[in-house]
Amino acid sequence: MHLKIHKSYRNVISLADKELIGKKFEEGKFQLNVRENFYSGEELTKEEAVLILKKQVHEDATFNLVGPKSISTALEAGIITEEHIGKIDNIPFALTLL
């Protein structure tokens, strides 16, 4: 997985499965564009990503999550629930503002 922290008035955390970065998925009128410039960041293990996600919750961050591994990691970190997960072309994603 790749994690990138976009610094702004509120941190925006992007987490995506490595193999999905640079790809675009479409289903009907919906698109999921996993742009490299937004999602390509530091490659982390699940354990490392969980720690960062948990810390960023306390920093009032927003989260953009794409891919089964990334979604599983976010679920484990407690930042999303199953109700937050959508799918486009069978690729799970979640956009969360806490």
N, C-alpha and C. Protein backbone atom coordinates (compact mmCIF):
# COMPACT_ATOMS: atom_id res chain seq x y z
N MET A 1 0.84 -1.18 0.00
CA MET A 1 0.00 0.00 0.00
C MET A 1 0.88 1.24 0.00
N HIS A 2 0.33 2.29 -0.60
CA HIS A 2 1.01 3.58 -0.59
C HIS A 2 0.17 4.57 0.21
N LEU A 3 0.83 5.30 1.09
CA LEU A 3 0.17 6.32 1.89
C LEU A 3 0.85 7.65 1.64
N LYS A 4 0.04 8.67 1.43
CA LYS A 4 0.56 10.02 1.22
C LYS A 4 -0.27 10.98 2.06
N ILE A 5 0.42 11.90 2.72
CA ILE A 5 -0.26 12.92 3.52
C ILE A 5 -0.16 14.24 2.76
N HIS A 6 -1.31 14.76 2.37
CA HIS A 6 -1.38 16.04 1.70
C HIS A 6 -1.66 17.09 2.78
N LYS A 7 -0.69 17.98 2.98
CA LYS A 7 -0.81 18.99 4.03
C LYS A 7 -1.70 20.13 3.55
N SER A 8 -2.65 20.50 4.37
CA SER A 8 -3.56 21.59 4.10
C SER A 8 -4.07 22.08 5.45
N TYR A 9 -5.12 22.90 5.46
CA TYR A 9 -5.68 23.29 6.76
C TYR A 9 -6.16 22.06 7.51
N ARG A 10 -6.48 21.03 6.77
CA ARG A 10 -6.84 19.72 7.33
C ARG A 10 -6.09 18.69 6.48
N ASN A 11 -5.30 17.83 7.11
CA ASN A 11 -4.56 16.83 6.36
C ASN A 11 -5.51 15.94 5.55
N VAL A 12 -5.11 15.64 4.34
CA VAL A 12 -5.84 14.70 3.49
C VAL A 12 -4.94 13.49 3.32
N ILE A 13 -5.41 12.35 3.78
CA ILE A 13 -4.63 11.12 3.74
C ILE A 13 -5.11 10.27 2.56
N SER A 14 -4.20 9.93 1.67
CA SER A 14 -4.56 9.02 0.58
C SER A 14 -3.86 7.68 0.84
N LEU A 15 -4.62 6.62 0.74
CA LEU A 15 -4.10 5.27 0.93
C LEU A 15 -4.68 4.41 -0.17
N ALA A 16 -3.78 3.78 -0.95
CA ALA A 16 -4.24 2.95 -2.07
C ALA A 16 -3.37 1.71 -2.20
N ASP A 17 -3.99 0.65 -2.67
CA ASP A 17 -3.25 -0.56 -2.96
C ASP A 17 -2.28 -0.27 -4.11
N LYS A 18 -1.05 -0.69 -3.96
CA LYS A 18 0.02 -0.38 -4.90
C LYS A 18 -0.36 -0.72 -6.35
N GLU A 19 -0.97 -1.87 -6.55
CA GLU A 19 -1.27 -2.32 -7.91
C GLU A 19 -2.40 -1.54 -8.60
N LEU A 20 -3.11 -0.70 -7.85
CA LEU A 20 -4.20 0.09 -8.43
C LEU A 20 -3.76 1.50 -8.82
N ILE A 21 -2.61 1.94 -8.33
CA ILE A 21 -2.16 3.30 -8.59
C ILE A 21 -1.88 3.47 -10.08
N GLY A 22 -2.41 4.57 -10.61
CA GLY A 22 -2.25 4.86 -12.03
C GLY A 22 -3.35 4.30 -12.91
N LYS A 23 -4.33 3.64 -12.30
CA LYS A 23 -5.42 3.03 -13.06
C LYS A 23 -6.72 3.82 -12.89
N LYS A 24 -7.61 3.61 -13.82
CA LYS A 24 -8.91 4.27 -13.81
C LYS A 24 -9.99 3.20 -13.94
N PHE A 25 -11.02 3.32 -13.13
CA PHE A 25 -12.11 2.34 -13.13
C PHE A 25 -13.42 3.06 -13.40
N GLU A 26 -14.28 2.44 -14.18
CA GLU A 26 -15.56 3.05 -14.52
C GLU A 26 -16.67 2.02 -14.38
N GLU A 27 -17.82 2.53 -13.94
CA GLU A 27 -19.02 1.71 -13.84
C GLU A 27 -20.21 2.63 -14.03
N GLY A 28 -20.85 2.50 -15.18
CA GLY A 28 -21.95 3.40 -15.49
C GLY A 28 -21.42 4.82 -15.58
N LYS A 29 -22.07 5.72 -14.85
CA LYS A 29 -21.63 7.12 -14.87
C LYS A 29 -20.59 7.45 -13.80
N PHE A 30 -20.15 6.45 -13.06
CA PHE A 30 -19.19 6.66 -11.98
C PHE A 30 -17.77 6.30 -12.41
N GLN A 31 -16.81 7.07 -11.91
CA GLN A 31 -15.40 6.86 -12.20
C GLN A 31 -14.59 6.86 -10.92
N LEU A 32 -13.54 6.07 -10.92
CA LEU A 32 -12.58 6.06 -9.83
C LEU A 32 -11.21 6.16 -10.48
N ASN A 33 -10.58 7.32 -10.37
CA ASN A 33 -9.30 7.57 -10.99
C ASN A 33 -8.23 7.58 -9.90
N VAL A 34 -7.42 6.54 -9.84
CA VAL A 34 -6.41 6.40 -8.80
C VAL A 34 -5.12 7.04 -9.32
N ARG A 35 -5.15 8.36 -9.37
CA ARG A 35 -4.05 9.12 -9.96
C ARG A 35 -2.76 8.96 -9.16
N GLU A 36 -1.69 8.78 -9.91
CA GLU A 36 -0.38 8.58 -9.30
C GLU A 36 0.05 9.79 -8.46
N ASN A 37 -0.20 11.01 -8.96
CA ASN A 37 0.26 12.19 -8.23
C ASN A 37 -0.49 12.39 -6.90
N PHE A 38 -1.65 11.79 -6.76
CA PHE A 38 -2.40 11.91 -5.51
C PHE A 38 -2.15 10.72 -4.57
N TYR A 39 -2.09 9.52 -5.12
CA TYR A 39 -2.03 8.32 -4.28
C TYR A 39 -0.63 7.73 -4.10
N SER A 40 0.31 8.02 -4.97
CA SER A 40 1.64 7.43 -4.85
C SER A 40 2.42 8.15 -3.76
N GLY A 41 2.72 7.40 -2.71
CA GLY A 41 3.44 7.96 -1.57
C GLY A 41 4.38 6.92 -1.01
N GLU A 42 4.51 6.93 0.29
CA GLU A 42 5.39 5.99 0.96
C GLU A 42 4.76 4.60 0.98
N GLU A 43 5.54 3.59 0.59
CA GLU A 43 5.04 2.22 0.64
C GLU A 43 5.16 1.70 2.07
N LEU A 44 4.04 1.22 2.61
CA LEU A 44 3.98 0.80 4.00
C LEU A 44 3.40 -0.60 4.16
N THR A 45 3.73 -1.21 5.29
CA THR A 45 3.06 -2.46 5.65
C THR A 45 1.70 -2.10 6.25
N LYS A 46 0.86 -3.09 6.41
CA LYS A 46 -0.45 -2.87 7.01
C LYS A 46 -0.30 -2.31 8.43
N GLU A 47 0.62 -2.87 9.18
CA GLU A 47 0.81 -2.44 10.56
C GLU A 47 1.24 -0.97 10.64
N GLU A 48 2.16 -0.56 9.76
CA GLU A 48 2.61 0.83 9.73
C GLU A 48 1.47 1.76 9.35
N ALA A 49 0.69 1.35 8.36
CA ALA A 49 -0.44 2.18 7.90
C ALA A 49 -1.49 2.33 8.99
N VAL A 50 -1.79 1.27 9.72
CA VAL A 50 -2.77 1.34 10.82
C VAL A 50 -2.34 2.38 11.84
N LEU A 51 -1.08 2.38 12.21
CA LEU A 51 -0.59 3.35 13.20
C LEU A 51 -0.74 4.79 12.71
N ILE A 52 -0.40 5.03 11.45
CA ILE A 52 -0.52 6.39 10.90
C ILE A 52 -1.99 6.80 10.80
N LEU A 53 -2.85 5.91 10.34
CA LEU A 53 -4.27 6.24 10.24
C LEU A 53 -4.85 6.59 11.60
N LYS A 54 -4.53 5.79 12.61
CA LYS A 54 -5.03 6.07 13.96
C LYS A 54 -4.55 7.43 14.46
N LYS A 55 -3.30 7.77 14.18
CA LYS A 55 -2.76 9.06 14.61
C LYS A 55 -3.47 10.19 13.87
N GLN A 56 -3.72 10.03 12.59
CA GLN A 56 -4.33 11.09 11.79
C GLN A 56 -5.79 11.34 12.17
N VAL A 57 -6.46 10.36 12.74
CA VAL A 57 -7.83 10.57 13.23
C VAL A 57 -7.83 11.70 14.25
N HIS A 58 -6.82 11.71 15.11
CA HIS A 58 -6.73 12.73 16.16
C HIS A 58 -6.27 14.09 15.61
N GLU A 59 -5.81 14.10 14.36
CA GLU A 59 -5.37 15.34 13.71
C GLU A 59 -6.50 15.95 12.88
N ASP A 60 -7.69 15.37 12.97
CA ASP A 60 -8.85 15.88 12.23
C ASP A 60 -8.66 15.78 10.71
N ALA A 61 -8.11 14.67 10.26
CA ALA A 61 -7.81 14.46 8.85
C ALA A 61 -9.02 13.95 8.09
N THR A 62 -8.92 14.02 6.77
CA THR A 62 -9.88 13.35 5.89
C THR A 62 -9.13 12.22 5.21
N PHE A 63 -9.87 11.22 4.73
CA PHE A 63 -9.25 10.01 4.20
C PHE A 63 -9.84 9.64 2.85
N ASN A 64 -8.95 9.31 1.90
CA ASN A 64 -9.31 8.78 0.59
C ASN A 64 -8.66 7.41 0.48
N LEU A 65 -9.46 6.38 0.45
CA LEU A 65 -8.98 5.01 0.53
C LEU A 65 -9.44 4.22 -0.69
N VAL A 66 -8.51 3.48 -1.32
CA VAL A 66 -8.87 2.71 -2.52
C VAL A 66 -8.18 1.35 -2.49
N GLY A 67 -8.98 0.30 -2.70
CA GLY A 67 -8.45 -1.05 -2.83
C GLY A 67 -8.77 -1.92 -1.62
N PRO A 68 -8.83 -3.21 -1.85
CA PRO A 68 -9.20 -4.13 -0.76
C PRO A 68 -8.24 -4.11 0.43
N LYS A 69 -6.94 -4.02 0.19
CA LYS A 69 -5.98 -3.99 1.31
C LYS A 69 -6.11 -2.69 2.09
N SER A 70 -6.25 -1.59 1.38
CA SER A 70 -6.38 -0.29 2.04
C SER A 70 -7.66 -0.20 2.84
N ILE A 71 -8.74 -0.71 2.29
CA ILE A 71 -10.03 -0.71 3.00
C ILE A 71 -9.94 -1.58 4.24
N SER A 72 -9.34 -2.75 4.12
CA SER A 72 -9.16 -3.64 5.26
C SER A 72 -8.33 -2.97 6.35
N THR A 73 -7.31 -2.25 5.95
CA THR A 73 -6.46 -1.53 6.90
C THR A 73 -7.24 -0.44 7.62
N ALA A 74 -8.04 0.31 6.88
CA ALA A 74 -8.85 1.37 7.48
C ALA A 74 -9.90 0.80 8.43
N LEU A 75 -10.47 -0.34 8.09
CA LEU A 75 -11.42 -1.01 8.99
C LEU A 75 -10.71 -1.41 10.29
N GLU A 76 -9.52 -1.99 10.15
CA GLU A 76 -8.75 -2.39 11.32
C GLU A 76 -8.37 -1.19 12.19
N ALA A 77 -8.07 -0.07 11.55
CA ALA A 77 -7.70 1.14 12.30
C ALA A 77 -8.91 1.80 12.94
N GLY A 78 -10.11 1.40 12.53
CA GLY A 78 -11.33 1.94 13.12
C GLY A 78 -11.75 3.28 12.56
N ILE A 79 -11.25 3.65 11.37
CA ILE A 79 -11.63 4.95 10.82
C ILE A 79 -12.83 4.87 9.88
N ILE A 80 -13.19 3.66 9.45
CA ILE A 80 -14.40 3.46 8.65
C ILE A 80 -15.13 2.23 9.15
N THR A 81 -16.39 2.12 8.74
CA THR A 81 -17.17 0.90 8.97
C THR A 81 -17.62 0.39 7.60
N GLU A 82 -18.22 -0.75 7.57
CA GLU A 82 -18.68 -1.35 6.31
C GLU A 82 -19.62 -0.41 5.56
N GLU A 83 -20.39 0.41 6.27
CA GLU A 83 -21.34 1.32 5.64
C GLU A 83 -20.66 2.42 4.82
N HIS A 84 -19.39 2.70 5.10
CA HIS A 84 -18.65 3.74 4.39
C HIS A 84 -18.11 3.27 3.03
N ILE A 85 -18.14 1.97 2.78
CA ILE A 85 -17.47 1.40 1.61
C ILE A 85 -18.37 1.38 0.39
N GLY A 86 -17.86 1.93 -0.70
CA GLY A 86 -18.53 1.85 -1.99
C GLY A 86 -17.70 0.99 -2.92
N LYS A 87 -18.23 0.70 -4.09
CA LYS A 87 -17.48 -0.07 -5.09
C LYS A 87 -17.75 0.50 -6.47
N ILE A 88 -16.70 0.61 -7.24
CA ILE A 88 -16.80 0.96 -8.66
C ILE A 88 -15.98 -0.08 -9.40
N ASP A 89 -16.63 -0.75 -10.36
CA ASP A 89 -15.97 -1.83 -11.12
C ASP A 89 -15.34 -2.84 -10.18
N ASN A 90 -16.05 -3.14 -9.09
CA ASN A 90 -15.65 -4.11 -8.08
C ASN A 90 -14.41 -3.70 -7.26
N ILE A 91 -14.03 -2.43 -7.33
CA ILE A 91 -12.91 -1.92 -6.54
C ILE A 91 -13.49 -1.15 -5.36
N PRO A 92 -13.20 -1.61 -4.13
CA PRO A 92 -13.75 -0.91 -2.96
C PRO A 92 -13.01 0.42 -2.70
N PHE A 93 -13.79 1.40 -2.24
CA PHE A 93 -13.21 2.71 -1.90
C PHE A 93 -14.02 3.32 -0.78
N ALA A 94 -13.42 4.29 -0.12
CA ALA A 94 -14.13 5.06 0.92
C ALA A 94 -13.52 6.45 0.97
N LEU A 95 -14.38 7.42 1.13
CA LEU A 95 -13.99 8.82 1.33
C LEU A 95 -14.59 9.23 2.65
N THR A 96 -13.74 9.60 3.59
CA THR A 96 -14.24 9.85 4.94
C THR A 96 -13.73 11.17 5.49
N LEU A 97 -14.66 11.92 6.05
CA LEU A 97 -14.34 13.14 6.77
C LEU A 97 -14.78 12.90 8.20
N LEU A 98 -13.83 12.87 9.11
CA LEU A 98 -14.16 12.60 10.52
C LEU A 98 -14.33 13.86 11.30
